[in-house]
Amino acid sequence: MITDALPQEIREKLEKNKQQRQTYTSAEDLKLIGTAAFEAPREDILTDAIIALYLGKNVLLKGPTGSGKTKLAEHVSALFDQPMHGVNCSTDLDAEALLGFKTLTHDERGSTHIAFIPGPIMKAMMKGHFLYIDEINIAKPETLSLINGVLDHRRSITNPFTGDVITAHPDFRVVAAINEGYMGTVPLNEALKNRFVTIDVPYLQGESLYKLLKSKSVLSDEKQLRTFVQLSADLLTLIEMGQLPDEAGSIRALLDACDLTAYIPPLRAVARAIADKLEDERERAAVINAAETLF
């Protein structure tokens, strides 16, 4: 699971983490450790992410939808044996969703108290876990500015609900992901972008894609799996030409089409899993035309 391309000191650190986690990680936290199931289009994508996190850097994963950014985040969580807390960004994301909130609690005597319930950022900082911020460029810039101090050399934040200053555990790490150019997204400001090491995550292709489909899909017909690999390449060509949006090349959608093909005709499967998700009629027709030349 640990790539040989990594320096020896990092491999030793990862192995040490695994041994330590088995002794002091709670059952609840163990459930938050990801699964190492990411298939890297290139080996450097995975090794560079691991090295950056080992060095204490924040990592920004940039790529089209369905390219495996979340899988990569879960993969490094598994390699580091680090529980990972997630934040799914939206335009409604606020301080409470990020940091936590106050609520009324009752003790055994029936007395009422105000207690602070920590959110994902606070939990990850205090416990030294990973934090995964998905679609970070959907959140409002004024909301993200709350965590600037978390992402720079200070590694600290003043809790606006309690006034406490929280300093991150040395093992705390941040991984974020963006889909560029999608409706509802906004460019990251330079101050925030400069706090990350950026790694592009392209779509899987060729033999690596075939191996993924073969291992993950219920479709067992080798010829049809190879045909879906070619369909993916053709769709990516259309995307590069500007005739299709990025989501038409989603590996997740391609896998859905493969699974459906085990039970229904492939053209219908492509329509259900890929083409019919697109808004533009010409885009849907382009996907079907590409599939008709192969199936």
Protein backbone atom coordinates (compact mmCIF):
# COMPACT_ATOMS: atom_id res chain seq x y z
CA MET A 1 0.00 0.00 0.00
CA ILE A 2 3.00 2.33 0.66
CA THR A 3 4.69 3.21 -2.62
CA ASP A 4 8.40 2.40 -3.04
CA ALA A 5 8.92 5.82 -4.66
CA LEU A 6 8.74 7.46 -1.24
CA PRO A 7 11.94 8.33 0.64
CA GLN A 8 12.89 5.80 3.31
CA GLU A 9 12.33 8.25 6.19
CA ILE A 10 8.73 8.84 5.10
CA ARG A 11 8.00 5.13 4.72
CA GLU A 12 9.38 4.55 8.22
CA LYS A 13 7.19 7.36 9.57
CA LEU A 14 4.07 5.90 7.97
CA GLU A 15 4.84 2.46 9.39
CA LYS A 16 5.42 3.97 12.82
CA ASN A 17 2.08 5.78 12.59
CA LYS A 18 0.34 2.50 11.87
CA GLN A 19 1.83 0.84 14.94
CA GLN A 20 0.97 3.77 17.19
CA ARG A 21 -2.59 4.15 15.97
CA GLN A 22 -3.35 0.53 16.80
CA THR A 23 -2.64 1.26 20.46
CA TYR A 24 -4.28 4.60 21.20
CA THR A 25 -6.90 5.42 18.55
CA SER A 26 -10.47 5.09 19.84
CA ALA A 27 -13.00 2.88 18.10
CA GLU A 28 -14.94 5.99 17.08
CA ASP A 29 -11.88 7.62 15.52
CA LEU A 30 -10.86 4.42 13.75
CA LYS A 31 -14.09 4.65 11.76
CA LEU A 32 -12.89 7.99 10.36
CA ILE A 33 -9.73 6.56 8.81
CA GLY A 34 -10.15 6.36 5.03
CA THR A 35 -9.65 3.43 2.69
CA ALA A 36 -6.62 3.18 0.40
CA ALA A 37 -8.55 2.72 -2.85
CA PHE A 38 -7.27 5.56 -5.03
CA GLU A 39 -5.96 4.56 -8.48
CA ALA A 40 -3.41 7.19 -9.44
CA PRO A 41 -3.21 8.30 -13.09
CA ARG A 42 0.50 8.92 -12.39
CA GLU A 43 2.58 7.78 -9.45
CA ASP A 44 3.82 11.31 -8.71
CA ILE A 45 0.28 12.46 -7.84
CA LEU A 46 0.15 10.16 -4.84
CA THR A 47 3.79 10.46 -3.79
CA ASP A 48 3.76 14.27 -3.98
CA ALA A 49 0.60 14.43 -1.85
CA ILE A 50 2.17 12.15 0.77
CA ILE A 51 5.45 14.09 0.83
CA ALA A 52 3.66 17.44 1.16
CA LEU A 53 1.55 16.17 4.06
CA TYR A 54 4.60 14.61 5.72
CA LEU A 55 6.25 18.05 5.59
CA GLY A 56 3.22 19.63 7.25
CA LYS A 57 1.92 21.38 4.12
CA ASN A 58 -1.74 21.96 3.28
CA VAL A 59 -2.68 20.14 0.07
CA LEU A 60 -5.17 21.44 -2.52
CA LEU A 61 -6.47 18.81 -4.94
CA LYS A 62 -7.60 20.35 -8.22
CA GLY A 63 -9.42 18.44 -10.93
CA PRO A 64 -12.71 17.75 -12.70
CA THR A 65 -15.65 16.12 -10.98
CA GLY A 66 -15.34 12.36 -10.61
CA SER A 67 -11.57 12.33 -11.05
CA GLY A 68 -10.98 10.82 -7.62
CA LYS A 69 -10.04 13.78 -5.41
CA THR A 70 -12.04 12.51 -2.44
CA LYS A 71 -10.64 9.00 -3.01
CA LEU A 72 -7.14 10.46 -2.91
CA ALA A 73 -7.89 12.25 0.37
CA GLU A 74 -9.22 9.01 1.87
CA HIS A 75 -6.18 7.16 0.53
CA VAL A 76 -3.66 9.41 2.28
CA SER A 77 -5.77 9.24 5.44
CA ALA A 78 -5.32 5.46 5.31
CA LEU A 79 -1.58 5.65 4.55
CA PHE A 80 -0.97 7.99 7.50
CA ASP A 81 -3.46 6.04 9.65
CA GLN A 82 -5.07 9.36 10.46
CA PRO A 83 -8.79 9.81 11.11
CA MET A 84 -10.22 12.39 8.70
CA HIS A 85 -12.98 14.91 9.48
CA GLY A 86 -14.90 16.28 6.51
CA VAL A 87 -16.44 19.62 5.59
CA ASN A 88 -18.74 19.75 2.55
CA CYS A 89 -18.79 23.36 1.43
CA SER A 90 -21.81 25.25 0.19
CA THR A 91 -22.86 28.89 -0.08
CA ASP A 92 -24.68 28.41 3.24
CA LEU A 93 -21.57 27.26 5.10
CA ASP A 94 -21.10 29.30 8.27
CA ALA A 95 -18.90 29.48 11.34
CA GLU A 96 -21.01 26.99 13.28
CA ALA A 97 -20.69 24.34 10.56
CA LEU A 98 -16.91 24.78 10.53
CA LEU A 99 -16.05 25.43 14.15
CA GLY A 100 -18.96 24.20 16.27
CA PHE A 101 -21.84 25.66 18.24
CA LYS A 102 -23.17 26.31 21.73
CA THR A 103 -26.06 24.33 23.14
CA LEU A 104 -27.86 23.75 26.43
CA THR A 105 -26.95 20.59 28.36
CA HIS A 106 -28.19 19.07 31.61
CA ASP A 107 -26.04 17.41 34.24
CA GLU A 108 -27.02 14.51 36.51
CA ARG A 109 -28.53 16.96 39.00
CA GLY A 110 -30.79 18.45 36.37
CA SER A 111 -28.91 21.74 36.23
CA THR A 112 -28.72 23.49 32.89
CA HIS A 113 -25.38 24.52 31.40
CA ILE A 114 -24.19 26.03 28.14
CA ALA A 115 -21.71 23.75 26.40
CA PHE A 116 -19.68 24.19 23.25
CA ILE A 117 -19.92 21.31 20.75
CA PRO A 118 -16.79 21.32 18.57
CA GLY A 119 -17.16 21.14 14.79
CA PRO A 120 -14.92 19.28 12.32
CA ILE A 121 -12.11 21.88 12.29
CA MET A 122 -11.87 22.03 16.08
CA LYS A 123 -11.97 18.24 16.41
CA ALA A 124 -9.24 17.73 13.82
CA MET A 125 -7.03 20.47 15.31
CA MET A 126 -7.31 19.27 18.89
CA LYS A 127 -6.88 15.56 18.11
CA GLY A 128 -4.19 15.92 15.45
CA HIS A 129 -6.35 14.41 12.71
CA PHE A 130 -6.76 15.17 9.01
CA LEU A 131 -9.31 17.74 7.84
CA TYR A 132 -10.84 17.39 4.37
CA ILE A 133 -12.58 20.46 2.91
CA ASP A 134 -14.50 19.44 -0.20
CA GLU A 135 -15.39 21.97 -2.91
CA ILE A 136 -13.74 24.75 -0.95
CA ASN A 137 -14.29 27.22 -3.80
CA ILE A 138 -18.07 27.08 -3.31
CA ALA A 139 -17.91 28.58 0.19
CA LYS A 140 -18.13 32.33 0.64
CA PRO A 141 -14.70 34.03 0.93
CA GLU A 142 -15.76 35.75 4.16
CA THR A 143 -16.49 32.34 5.70
CA LEU A 144 -13.15 30.87 4.63
CA SER A 145 -11.31 33.87 6.06
CA LEU A 146 -12.17 32.47 9.50
CA ILE A 147 -9.62 29.70 9.02
CA ASN A 148 -6.69 31.67 7.56
CA GLY A 149 -4.80 31.29 10.84
CA VAL A 150 -5.41 27.54 10.78
CA LEU A 151 -3.78 27.24 7.38
CA ASP A 152 -0.65 29.34 7.91
CA HIS A 153 2.36 29.09 10.23
CA ARG A 154 0.25 30.05 13.28
CA ARG A 155 -1.80 26.85 13.09
CA SER A 156 -4.24 28.42 15.53
CA ILE A 157 -7.69 29.97 15.72
CA THR A 158 -9.64 32.03 18.23
CA ASN A 159 -12.96 30.34 18.87
CA PRO A 160 -15.54 33.12 18.27
CA PHE A 161 -18.06 31.32 20.49
CA THR A 162 -15.87 30.89 23.59
CA GLY A 163 -12.92 33.21 23.11
CA ASP A 164 -10.48 30.32 23.56
CA VAL A 165 -7.37 30.19 21.37
CA ILE A 166 -6.97 26.70 19.90
CA THR A 167 -3.53 25.68 18.66
CA ALA A 168 -3.38 22.66 16.37
CA HIS A 169 -1.81 19.37 17.40
CA PRO A 170 1.48 18.77 15.50
CA ASP A 171 -0.12 15.93 13.49
CA PHE A 172 -2.99 18.10 12.22
CA ARG A 173 -3.14 18.25 8.40
CA VAL A 174 -5.48 19.88 5.87
CA VAL A 175 -6.52 18.54 2.45
CA ALA A 176 -8.94 20.58 0.31
CA ALA A 177 -10.47 19.97 -3.11
CA ILE A 178 -11.84 22.20 -5.86
CA ASN A 179 -13.66 21.77 -9.15
CA GLU A 180 -12.64 24.77 -11.24
CA GLY A 181 -15.02 26.61 -13.55
CA TYR A 182 -18.25 25.01 -12.32
CA MET A 183 -21.45 26.94 -11.74
CA GLY A 184 -21.57 28.32 -8.22
CA THR A 185 -17.82 28.25 -7.68
CA VAL A 186 -15.65 31.30 -7.08
CA PRO A 187 -11.89 31.69 -7.63
CA LEU A 188 -9.86 31.24 -4.45
CA ASN A 189 -8.27 34.49 -3.35
CA GLU A 190 -4.49 34.64 -3.52
CA ALA A 191 -4.05 34.74 0.26
CA LEU A 192 -5.90 31.44 0.63
CA LYS A 193 -4.35 29.80 -2.44
CA ASN A 194 -0.84 30.61 -1.22
CA ARG A 195 -1.46 28.55 1.89
CA PHE A 196 -1.64 25.32 -0.17
CA VAL A 197 0.54 23.05 -2.24
CA THR A 198 -1.54 22.32 -5.36
CA ILE A 199 -1.82 18.90 -7.01
CA ASP A 200 -3.73 18.34 -10.24
CA VAL A 201 -5.81 15.16 -10.31
CA PRO A 202 -6.71 14.27 -13.93
CA TYR A 203 -9.01 11.52 -15.08
CA LEU A 204 -7.66 7.99 -15.10
CA GLN A 205 -6.97 6.62 -18.59
CA GLY A 206 -5.60 3.65 -20.54
CA GLU A 207 -4.53 0.47 -18.80
CA SER A 208 -4.92 2.02 -15.35
CA LEU A 209 -8.56 2.80 -16.09
CA TYR A 210 -9.13 -0.72 -17.40
CA LYS A 211 -7.72 -2.21 -14.18
CA LEU A 212 -9.97 0.04 -12.12
CA LEU A 213 -13.10 -0.90 -14.07
CA LYS A 214 -12.22 -4.57 -13.92
CA SER A 215 -11.73 -4.48 -10.15
CA LYS A 216 -14.69 -2.25 -9.28
CA SER A 217 -17.42 -3.04 -11.82
CA VAL A 218 -19.82 -5.97 -11.82
CA LEU A 219 -19.32 -6.11 -15.60
CA SER A 220 -16.98 -9.01 -16.37
CA ASP A 221 -16.89 -8.92 -20.18
CA GLU A 222 -13.30 -7.91 -21.01
CA LYS A 223 -14.15 -6.68 -24.51
CA GLN A 224 -16.87 -4.38 -23.24
CA LEU A 225 -14.63 -3.06 -20.45
CA ARG A 226 -11.97 -2.23 -23.06
CA THR A 227 -14.64 -0.50 -25.14
CA PHE A 228 -15.61 1.65 -22.17
CA VAL A 229 -11.96 2.64 -21.75
CA GLN A 230 -11.99 3.80 -25.38
CA LEU A 231 -15.28 5.62 -24.85
CA SER A 232 -13.69 7.48 -21.95
CA ALA A 233 -10.77 8.54 -24.16
CA ASP A 234 -13.16 9.73 -26.89
CA LEU A 235 -15.24 11.73 -24.40
CA LEU A 236 -12.13 13.38 -23.00
CA THR A 237 -11.15 14.40 -26.53
CA LEU A 238 -14.56 16.03 -26.96
CA ILE A 239 -14.11 17.76 -23.60
CA GLU A 240 -10.73 19.14 -24.68
CA MET A 241 -12.36 20.42 -27.89
CA GLY A 242 -14.98 22.25 -25.83
CA GLN A 243 -17.88 20.14 -27.09
CA LEU A 244 -18.62 18.53 -23.72
CA PRO A 245 -18.43 19.70 -20.10
CA ASP A 246 -15.97 18.09 -17.68
CA GLU A 247 -18.63 16.02 -15.96
CA ALA A 248 -19.10 13.96 -19.14
CA GLY A 249 -15.68 12.43 -18.43
CA SER A 250 -16.44 11.43 -14.84
CA ILE A 251 -14.92 8.07 -13.93
CA ARG A 252 -17.70 7.62 -11.40
CA ALA A 253 -20.29 7.93 -14.17
CA LEU A 254 -18.29 5.60 -16.42
CA LEU A 255 -18.25 2.98 -13.69
CA ASP A 256 -22.03 3.34 -13.33
CA ALA A 257 -22.39 2.75 -17.07
CA CYS A 258 -20.25 -0.40 -16.84
CA ASP A 259 -22.34 -1.77 -13.98
CA LEU A 260 -25.59 -1.12 -15.85
CA THR A 261 -24.18 -2.82 -18.96
CA ALA A 262 -24.01 -6.07 -17.04
CA TYR A 263 -27.83 -6.06 -17.21
CA ILE A 264 -28.96 -3.69 -19.98
CA PRO A 265 -27.64 -2.79 -23.47
CA PRO A 266 -24.52 -0.59 -23.32
CA LEU A 267 -26.01 2.32 -25.29
CA ARG A 268 -28.88 2.55 -22.85
CA ALA A 269 -26.44 2.29 -19.97
CA VAL A 270 -24.39 5.19 -21.36
CA ALA A 271 -27.54 7.25 -21.73
CA ARG A 272 -28.64 6.59 -18.14
CA ALA A 273 -25.23 7.01 -16.49
CA ILE A 274 -23.63 9.77 -18.58
CA ALA A 275 -25.66 11.44 -21.34
CA ASP A 276 -28.93 12.08 -19.51
CA LYS A 277 -27.13 13.95 -16.72
CA LEU A 278 -26.14 16.70 -19.14
CA GLU A 279 -28.37 19.75 -19.53
CA ASP A 280 -27.68 20.60 -23.17
CA GLU A 281 -29.38 18.45 -25.82
CA ARG A 282 -26.39 18.77 -28.18
CA GLU A 283 -24.07 17.52 -25.44
CA ARG A 284 -26.29 14.52 -24.78
CA ALA A 285 -26.33 13.74 -28.50
CA ALA A 286 -22.53 14.01 -28.67
CA VAL A 287 -22.13 11.41 -25.91
CA ILE A 288 -24.58 9.03 -27.58
CA ASN A 289 -22.89 9.51 -30.98
CA ALA A 290 -19.52 8.66 -29.44
CA ALA A 291 -20.97 5.54 -27.84
CA GLU A 292 -22.74 4.44 -31.08
CA THR A 293 -19.39 4.34 -32.91
CA LEU A 294 -18.11 1.78 -30.37
CA PHE A 295 -21.03 -0.38 -29.28
